[in-house]
PDB file of N, CA and C in Angstrom:
ATOM      1  N   MET A   1     -10.444  10.665   2.416  1.00  0.00           N
ATOM      2  CA  MET A   1     -10.300  10.986   1.013  1.00  0.00           C
ATOM      3  C   MET A   1      -8.957  10.447   0.505  1.00  0.00           C
ATOM      4  N   ALA A   2      -8.971   9.818  -0.637  1.00  0.00           N
ATOM      5  CA  ALA A   2      -7.753   9.250  -1.229  1.00  0.00           C
ATOM      6  C   ALA A   2      -6.865  10.365  -1.777  1.00  0.00           C
ATOM      7  N   LEU A   3      -5.573  10.195  -1.625  1.00  0.00           N
ATOM      8  CA  LEU A   3      -4.611  11.134  -2.197  1.00  0.00           C
ATOM      9  C   LEU A   3      -4.678  11.023  -3.712  1.00  0.00           C
ATOM     10  N   ARG A   4      -4.808  12.116  -4.381  1.00  0.00           N
ATOM     11  CA  ARG A   4      -4.864  12.099  -5.847  1.00  0.00           C
ATOM     12  C   ARG A   4      -3.438  12.075  -6.387  1.00  0.00           C
ATOM     13  N   PHE A   5      -2.991  10.888  -6.698  1.00  0.00           N
ATOM     14  CA  PHE A   5      -1.637  10.684  -7.195  1.00  0.00           C
ATOM     15  C   PHE A   5      -1.716   9.705  -8.351  1.00  0.00           C
ATOM     16  N   ASP A   6      -1.174  10.061  -9.494  1.00  0.00           N
ATOM     17  CA  ASP A   6      -1.301   9.241 -10.702  1.00  0.00           C
ATOM     18  C   ASP A   6      -0.047   8.403 -10.920  1.00  0.00           C
ATOM     19  N   PHE A   7      -0.127   7.113 -10.576  1.00  0.00           N
ATOM     20  CA  PHE A   7       0.999   6.195 -10.757  1.00  0.00           C
ATOM     21  C   PHE A   7       1.238   5.844 -12.220  1.00  0.00           C
ATOM     22  N   THR A   8       0.332   6.239 -13.115  1.00  0.00           N
ATOM     23  CA  THR A   8       0.489   5.936 -14.545  1.00  0.00           C
ATOM     24  C   THR A   8       0.927   7.153 -15.353  1.00  0.00           C
ATOM     25  N   SER A   9       1.177   8.276 -14.697  1.00  0.00           N
ATOM     26  CA  SER A   9       1.528   9.496 -15.424  1.00  0.00           C
ATOM     27  C   SER A   9       2.956   9.443 -15.960  1.00  0.00           C
ATOM     28  N   GLU A  10       3.201  10.218 -17.014  1.00  0.00           N
ATOM     29  CA  GLU A  10       4.561  10.321 -17.556  1.00  0.00           C
ATOM     30  C   GLU A  10       5.508  10.897 -16.518  1.00  0.00           C
ATOM     31  N   ALA A  11       5.023  11.868 -15.758  1.00  0.00           N
ATOM     32  CA  ALA A  11       5.865  12.501 -14.729  1.00  0.00           C
ATOM     33  C   ALA A  11       6.352  11.467 -13.713  1.00  0.00           C
ATOM     34  N   PHE A  12       5.467  10.554 -13.312  1.00  0.00           N
ATOM     35  CA  PHE A  12       5.873   9.522 -12.354  1.00  0.00           C
ATOM     36  C   PHE A  12       6.910   8.584 -12.969  1.00  0.00           C
ATOM     37  N   PHE A  13       6.706   8.182 -14.218  1.00  0.00           N
ATOM     38  CA  PHE A  13       7.657   7.274 -14.862  1.00  0.00           C
ATOM     39  C   PHE A  13       9.002   7.942 -15.131  1.00  0.00           C
ATOM     40  N   ARG A  14       8.991   9.243 -15.391  1.00  0.00           N
ATOM     41  CA  ARG A  14      10.254   9.961 -15.606  1.00  0.00           C
ATOM     42  C   ARG A  14      11.032  10.118 -14.318  1.00  0.00           C
ATOM     43  N   ASP A  15      10.317  10.360 -13.203  1.00  0.00           N
ATOM     44  CA  ASP A  15      10.988  10.609 -11.928  1.00  0.00           C
ATOM     45  C   ASP A  15      10.173  10.012 -10.778  1.00  0.00           C
ATOM     46  N   PRO A  16      10.218   8.679 -10.628  1.00  0.00           N
ATOM     47  CA  PRO A  16       9.432   8.065  -9.557  1.00  0.00           C
ATOM     48  C   PRO A  16       9.888   8.510  -8.169  1.00  0.00           C
ATOM     49  N   GLY A  17      11.150   8.875  -8.029  1.00  0.00           N
ATOM     50  CA  GLY A  17      11.647   9.338  -6.738  1.00  0.00           C
ATOM     51  C   GLY A  17      10.914  10.572  -6.243  1.00  0.00           C
ATOM     52  N   ALA A  18      10.594  11.481  -7.152  1.00  0.00           N
ATOM     53  CA  ALA A  18       9.849  12.684  -6.771  1.00  0.00           C
ATOM     54  C   ALA A  18       8.433  12.310  -6.320  1.00  0.00           C
ATOM     55  N   GLY A  19       7.847  11.334  -6.992  1.00  0.00           N
ATOM     56  CA  GLY A  19       6.512  10.873  -6.594  1.00  0.00           C
ATOM     57  C   GLY A  19       6.519  10.236  -5.224  1.00  0.00           C
ATOM     58  N   VAL A  20       7.515   9.415  -4.970  1.00  0.00           N
ATOM     59  CA  VAL A  20       7.637   8.780  -3.660  1.00  0.00           C
ATOM     60  C   VAL A  20       7.889   9.840  -2.580  1.00  0.00           C
ATOM     61  N   ALA A  21       8.694  10.844  -2.893  1.00  0.00           N
ATOM     62  CA  ALA A  21       8.952  11.931  -1.941  1.00  0.00           C
ATOM     63  C   ALA A  21       7.650  12.666  -1.604  1.00  0.00           C
ATOM     64  N   LEU A  22       6.796  12.883  -2.607  1.00  0.00           N
ATOM     65  CA  LEU A  22       5.512  13.523  -2.368  1.00  0.00           C
ATOM     66  C   LEU A  22       4.652  12.674  -1.439  1.00  0.00           C
ATOM     67  N   LEU A  23       4.601  11.385  -1.700  1.00  0.00           N
ATOM     68  CA  LEU A  23       3.825  10.493  -0.838  1.00  0.00           C
ATOM     69  C   LEU A  23       4.364  10.516   0.590  1.00  0.00           C
ATOM     70  N   ARG A  24       5.682  10.439   0.739  1.00  0.00           N
ATOM     71  CA  ARG A  24       6.289  10.449   2.076  1.00  0.00           C
ATOM     72  C   ARG A  24       6.018  11.746   2.817  1.00  0.00           C
ATOM     73  N   SER A  25       6.003  12.862   2.087  1.00  0.00           N
ATOM     74  CA  SER A  25       5.755  14.143   2.750  1.00  0.00           C
ATOM     75  C   SER A  25       4.300  14.282   3.183  1.00  0.00           C
ATOM     76  N   SER A  26       3.418  13.492   2.605  1.00  0.00           N
ATOM     77  CA  SER A  26       1.996  13.557   2.947  1.00  0.00           C
ATOM     78  C   SER A  26       1.713  12.921   4.300  1.00  0.00           C
ATOM     79  N   ALA A  27       2.246  11.718   4.515  1.00  0.00           N
ATOM     80  CA  ALA A  27       1.989  10.976   5.755  1.00  0.00           C
ATOM     81  C   ALA A  27       2.733   9.645   5.700  1.00  0.00           C
ATOM     82  N   PRO A  28       2.923   8.965   6.849  1.00  0.00           N
ATOM     83  CA  PRO A  28       3.568   7.655   6.825  1.00  0.00           C
ATOM     84  C   PRO A  28       2.701   6.563   6.202  1.00  0.00           C
ATOM     85  N   VAL A  29       1.381   6.811   6.175  1.00  0.00           N
ATOM     86  CA  VAL A  29       0.440   5.890   5.530  1.00  0.00           C
ATOM     87  C   VAL A  29      -0.558   6.756   4.761  1.00  0.00           C
ATOM     88  N   VAL A  30      -0.727   6.469   3.471  1.00  0.00           N
ATOM     89  CA  VAL A  30      -1.667   7.248   2.654  1.00  0.00           C
ATOM     90  C   VAL A  30      -2.655   6.317   1.969  1.00  0.00           C
ATOM     91  N   PHE A  31      -3.857   6.815   1.753  1.00  0.00           N
ATOM     92  CA  PHE A  31      -4.905   6.100   1.043  1.00  0.00           C
ATOM     93  C   PHE A  31      -4.919   6.645  -0.372  1.00  0.00           C
ATOM     94  N   THR A  32      -4.672   5.801  -1.350  1.00  0.00           N
ATOM     95  CA  THR A  32      -4.578   6.268  -2.731  1.00  0.00           C
ATOM     96  C   THR A  32      -5.170   5.224  -3.666  1.00  0.00           C
ATOM     97  N   ARG A  33      -5.028   5.428  -4.938  1.00  0.00           N
ATOM     98  CA  ARG A  33      -5.581   4.509  -5.941  1.00  0.00           C
ATOM     99  C   ARG A  33      -4.454   4.005  -6.837  1.00  0.00           C
ATOM    100  N   PHE A  34      -4.376   2.685  -6.987  1.00  0.00           N
ATOM    101  CA  PHE A  34      -3.426   2.064  -7.910  1.00  0.00           C
ATOM    102  C   PHE A  34      -4.165   1.664  -9.173  1.00  0.00           C
ATOM    103  N   PRO A  35      -3.510   1.756 -10.337  1.00  0.00           N
ATOM    104  CA  PRO A  35      -4.141   1.277 -11.567  1.00  0.00           C
ATOM    105  C   PRO A  35      -4.499  -0.205 -11.434  1.00  0.00           C
ATOM    106  N   ILE A  36      -5.600  -0.591 -11.950  1.00  0.00           N
ATOM    107  CA  ILE A  36      -6.129  -1.951 -11.966  1.00  0.00           C
ATOM    108  C   ILE A  36      -6.565  -2.417 -10.576  1.00  0.00           C
ATOM    109  N   ILE A  37      -5.767  -2.186  -9.550  1.00  0.00           N
ATOM    110  CA  ILE A  37      -6.055  -2.666  -8.198  1.00  0.00           C
ATOM    111  C   ILE A  37      -7.170  -1.863  -7.549  1.00  0.00           C
ATOM    112  N   GLY A  38      -7.120  -0.548  -7.680  1.00  0.00           N
ATOM    113  CA  GLY A  38      -8.125   0.307  -7.056  1.00  0.00           C
ATOM    114  C   GLY A  38      -7.573   1.015  -5.827  1.00  0.00           C
ATOM    115  N   ARG A  39      -8.456   1.320  -4.887  1.00  0.00           N
ATOM    116  CA  ARG A  39      -8.070   2.074  -3.689  1.00  0.00           C
ATOM    117  C   ARG A  39      -7.310   1.186  -2.710  1.00  0.00           C
ATOM    118  N   VAL A  40      -6.200   1.698  -2.217  1.00  0.00           N
ATOM    119  CA  VAL A  40      -5.354   0.944  -1.295  1.00  0.00           C
ATOM    120  C   VAL A  40      -4.696   1.881  -0.279  1.00  0.00           C
ATOM    121  N   TRP A  41      -4.297   1.319   0.846  1.00  0.00           N
ATOM    122  CA  TRP A  41      -3.455   2.015   1.813  1.00  0.00           C
ATOM    123  C   TRP A  41      -2.016   1.706   1.452  1.00  0.00           C
ATOM    124  N   VAL A  42      -1.152   2.721   1.464  1.00  0.00           N
ATOM    125  CA  VAL A  42       0.260   2.561   1.120  1.00  0.00           C
ATOM    126  C   VAL A  42       1.108   3.106   2.265  1.00  0.00           C
ATOM    127  N   THR A  43       2.047   2.304   2.748  1.00  0.00           N
ATOM    128  CA  THR A  43       2.995   2.810   3.737  1.00  0.00           C
ATOM    129  C   THR A  43       4.102   3.528   2.984  1.00  0.00           C
ATOM    130  N   THR A  44       4.559   4.643   3.527  1.00  0.00           N
ATOM    131  CA  THR A  44       5.559   5.446   2.826  1.00  0.00           C
ATOM    132  C   THR A  44       6.888   5.510   3.566  1.00  0.00           C
ATOM    133  N   THR A  45       6.959   4.880   4.735  1.00  0.00           N
ATOM    134  CA  THR A  45       8.206   4.866   5.503  1.00  0.00           C
ATOM    135  C   THR A  45       8.529   3.440   5.923  1.00  0.00           C
ATOM    136  N   TYR A  46       9.789   3.197   6.194  1.00  0.00           N
ATOM    137  CA  TYR A  46      10.218   1.881   6.665  1.00  0.00           C
ATOM    138  C   TYR A  46       9.505   1.537   7.972  1.00  0.00           C
ATOM    139  N   GLU A  47       9.443   2.506   8.885  1.00  0.00           N
ATOM    140  CA  GLU A  47       8.838   2.264  10.195  1.00  0.00           C
ATOM    141  C   GLU A  47       7.376   1.847  10.073  1.00  0.00           C
ATOM    142  N   ALA A  48       6.627   2.533   9.213  1.00  0.00           N
ATOM    143  CA  ALA A  48       5.216   2.196   9.023  1.00  0.00           C
ATOM    144  C   ALA A  48       5.069   0.812   8.407  1.00  0.00           C
ATOM    145  N   ALA A  49       5.886   0.511   7.403  1.00  0.00           N
ATOM    146  CA  ALA A  49       5.826  -0.809   6.765  1.00  0.00           C
ATOM    147  C   ALA A  49       6.183  -1.909   7.760  1.00  0.00           C
ATOM    148  N   ALA A  50       7.217  -1.697   8.560  1.00  0.00           N
ATOM    149  CA  ALA A  50       7.626  -2.694   9.556  1.00  0.00           C
ATOM    150  C   ALA A  50       6.511  -2.928  10.567  1.00  0.00           C
ATOM    151  N   HIS A  51       5.847  -1.858  10.991  1.00  0.00           N
ATOM    152  CA  HIS A  51       4.748  -1.994  11.948  1.00  0.00           C
ATOM    153  C   HIS A  51       3.616  -2.835  11.356  1.00  0.00           C
ATOM    154  N   VAL A  52       3.222  -2.542  10.128  1.00  0.00           N
ATOM    155  CA  VAL A  52       2.145  -3.284   9.476  1.00  0.00           C
ATOM    156  C   VAL A  52       2.518  -4.764   9.332  1.00  0.00           C
ATOM    157  N   LEU A  53       3.747  -5.032   8.918  1.00  0.00           N
ATOM    158  CA  LEU A  53       4.164  -6.421   8.703  1.00  0.00           C
ATOM    159  C   LEU A  53       4.291  -7.214   9.994  1.00  0.00           C
ATOM    160  N   LYS A  54       4.602  -6.551  11.095  1.00  0.00           N
ATOM    161  CA  LYS A  54       4.811  -7.245  12.371  1.00  0.00           C
ATOM    162  C   LYS A  54       3.542  -7.390  13.203  1.00  0.00           C
ATOM    163  N   ASP A  55       2.545  -6.559  12.991  1.00  0.00           N
ATOM    164  CA  ASP A  55       1.340  -6.559  13.818  1.00  0.00           C
ATOM    165  C   ASP A  55       0.220  -7.331  13.136  1.00  0.00           C
ATOM    166  N   SER A  56       0.240  -8.649  13.293  1.00  0.00           N
ATOM    167  CA  SER A  56      -0.758  -9.482  12.616  1.00  0.00           C
ATOM    168  C   SER A  56      -2.117  -9.440  13.308  1.00  0.00           C
ATOM    169  N   THR A  57      -2.192  -8.841  14.489  1.00  0.00           N
ATOM    170  CA  THR A  57      -3.479  -8.694  15.154  1.00  0.00           C
ATOM    171  C   THR A  57      -4.305  -7.589  14.494  1.00  0.00           C
ATOM    172  N   ALA A  58      -3.659  -6.468  14.205  1.00  0.00           N
ATOM    173  CA  ALA A  58      -4.366  -5.337  13.608  1.00  0.00           C
ATOM    174  C   ALA A  58      -4.422  -5.408  12.084  1.00  0.00           C
ATOM    175  N   PHE A  59      -3.410  -6.017  11.472  1.00  0.00           N
ATOM    176  CA  PHE A  59      -3.316  -6.065  10.013  1.00  0.00           C
ATOM    177  C   PHE A  59      -3.273  -7.513   9.568  1.00  0.00           C
ATOM    178  N   THR A  60      -4.123  -7.864   8.622  1.00  0.00           N
ATOM    179  CA  THR A  60      -4.220  -9.258   8.204  1.00  0.00           C
ATOM    180  C   THR A  60      -4.415  -9.367   6.703  1.00  0.00           C
ATOM    181  N   LEU A  61      -4.114 -10.528   6.180  1.00  0.00           N
ATOM    182  CA  LEU A  61      -4.354 -10.818   4.773  1.00  0.00           C
ATOM    183  C   LEU A  61      -5.658 -11.591   4.589  1.00  0.00           C
ATOM    184  N   ARG A  62      -6.426 -11.716   5.663  1.00  0.00           N
ATOM    185  CA  ARG A  62      -7.668 -12.480   5.580  1.00  0.00           C
ATOM    186  C   ARG A  62      -8.866 -11.580   5.308  1.00  0.00           C
ATOM    187  N   LYS A  63      -9.776 -12.102   4.498  1.00  0.00           N
ATOM    188  CA  LYS A  63     -11.043 -11.430   4.235  1.00  0.00           C
ATOM    189  C   LYS A  63     -12.021 -11.819   5.335  1.00  0.00           C
ATOM    190  N   GLU A  64     -13.178 -11.153   5.336  1.00  0.00           N
ATOM    191  CA  GLU A  64     -14.234 -11.584   6.241  1.00  0.00           C
ATOM    192  C   GLU A  64     -14.578 -13.027   5.909  1.00  0.00           C
ATOM    193  N   GLY A  65     -14.788 -13.835   6.898  1.00  0.00           N
ATOM    194  CA  GLY A  65     -15.059 -15.247   6.680  1.00  0.00           C
ATOM    195  C   GLY A  65     -13.808 -16.096   6.803  1.00  0.00           C
ATOM    196  N   GLY A  66     -12.622 -15.463   6.944  1.00  0.00           N
ATOM    197  CA  GLY A  66     -11.398 -16.195   7.202  1.00  0.00           C
ATOM    198  C   GLY A  66     -10.583 -16.618   5.999  1.00  0.00           C
ATOM    199  N   ARG A  67     -11.061 -16.390   4.774  1.00  0.00           N
ATOM    200  CA  ARG A  67     -10.287 -16.791   3.596  1.00  0.00           C
ATOM    201  C   ARG A  67      -9.148 -15.810   3.355  1.00  0.00           C
ATOM    202  N   TRP A  68      -8.086 -16.294   2.699  1.00  0.00           N
ATOM    203  CA  TRP A  68      -6.948 -15.433   2.366  1.00  0.00           C
ATOM    204  C   TRP A  68      -7.343 -14.471   1.258  1.00  0.00           C
ATOM    205  N   SER A  69      -6.936 -13.207   1.394  1.00  0.00           N
ATOM    206  CA  SER A  69      -7.263 -12.223   0.367  1.00  0.00           C
ATOM    207  C   SER A  69      -6.189 -12.156  -0.704  1.00  0.00           C
ATOM    208  N   GLY A  70      -5.030 -12.683  -0.439  1.00  0.00           N
ATOM    209  CA  GLY A  70      -3.940 -12.669  -1.400  1.00  0.00           C
ATOM    210  C   GLY A  70      -3.122 -13.936  -1.292  1.00  0.00           C
ATOM    211  N   TYR A  71      -2.207 -14.123  -2.177  1.00  0.00           N
ATOM    212  CA  TYR A  71      -1.351 -15.306  -2.156  1.00  0.00           C
ATOM    213  C   TYR A  71      -0.348 -15.219  -1.031  1.00  0.00           C
ATOM    214  N   ARG A  72      -0.214 -16.277  -0.306  1.00  0.00           N
ATOM    215  CA  ARG A  72       0.794 -16.374   0.738  1.00  0.00           C
ATOM    216  C   ARG A  72       1.449 -17.722   0.538  1.00  0.00           C
ATOM    217  N   GLY A  73       2.543 -17.735  -0.184  1.00  0.00           N
ATOM    218  CA  GLY A  73       3.204 -18.956  -0.630  1.00  0.00           C
ATOM    219  C   GLY A  73       3.273 -20.053   0.402  1.00  0.00           C
ATOM    220  N   GLY A  74       2.772 -21.208   0.049  1.00  0.00           N
ATOM    221  CA  GLY A  74       2.871 -22.386   0.877  1.00  0.00           C
ATOM    222  C   GLY A  74       1.886 -22.448   2.036  1.00  0.00           C
ATOM    223  N   CYS A  75       1.091 -21.439   2.208  1.00  0.00           N
ATOM    224  CA  CYS A  75       0.156 -21.393   3.325  1.00  0.00           C
ATOM    225  C   CYS A  75      -1.106 -22.197   2.976  1.00  0.00           C
ATOM    226  N   GLN A  76      -1.508 -23.051   3.860  1.00  0.00           N
ATOM    227  CA  GLN A  76      -2.710 -23.854   3.653  1.00  0.00           C
ATOM    228  C   GLN A  76      -3.860 -23.241   4.421  1.00  0.00           C
ATOM    229  N   GLU A  77      -5.071 -23.310   3.871  1.00  0.00           N
ATOM    230  CA  GLU A  77      -6.251 -22.800   4.597  1.00  0.00           C
ATOM    231  C   GLU A  77      -6.764 -23.850   5.534  1.00  0.00           C
TER     232      GLU A  77
END
């Protein structure tokens, strides 16, 4: 189940630090919804982010079929 957290709320814009603190207190990785983007996994700690960025075997920017899912500057397919 996605964490119900509103990134577009006035409360978040007034005090984003409190929102980030809430996310961090939930877990090092949370499943939530971003405006326009939709449902996403978000790392909330440095350690979790570093693990995701360093472990290209478990975490990838490729879609099924091998195409890139996002921009990776200068990378050729």
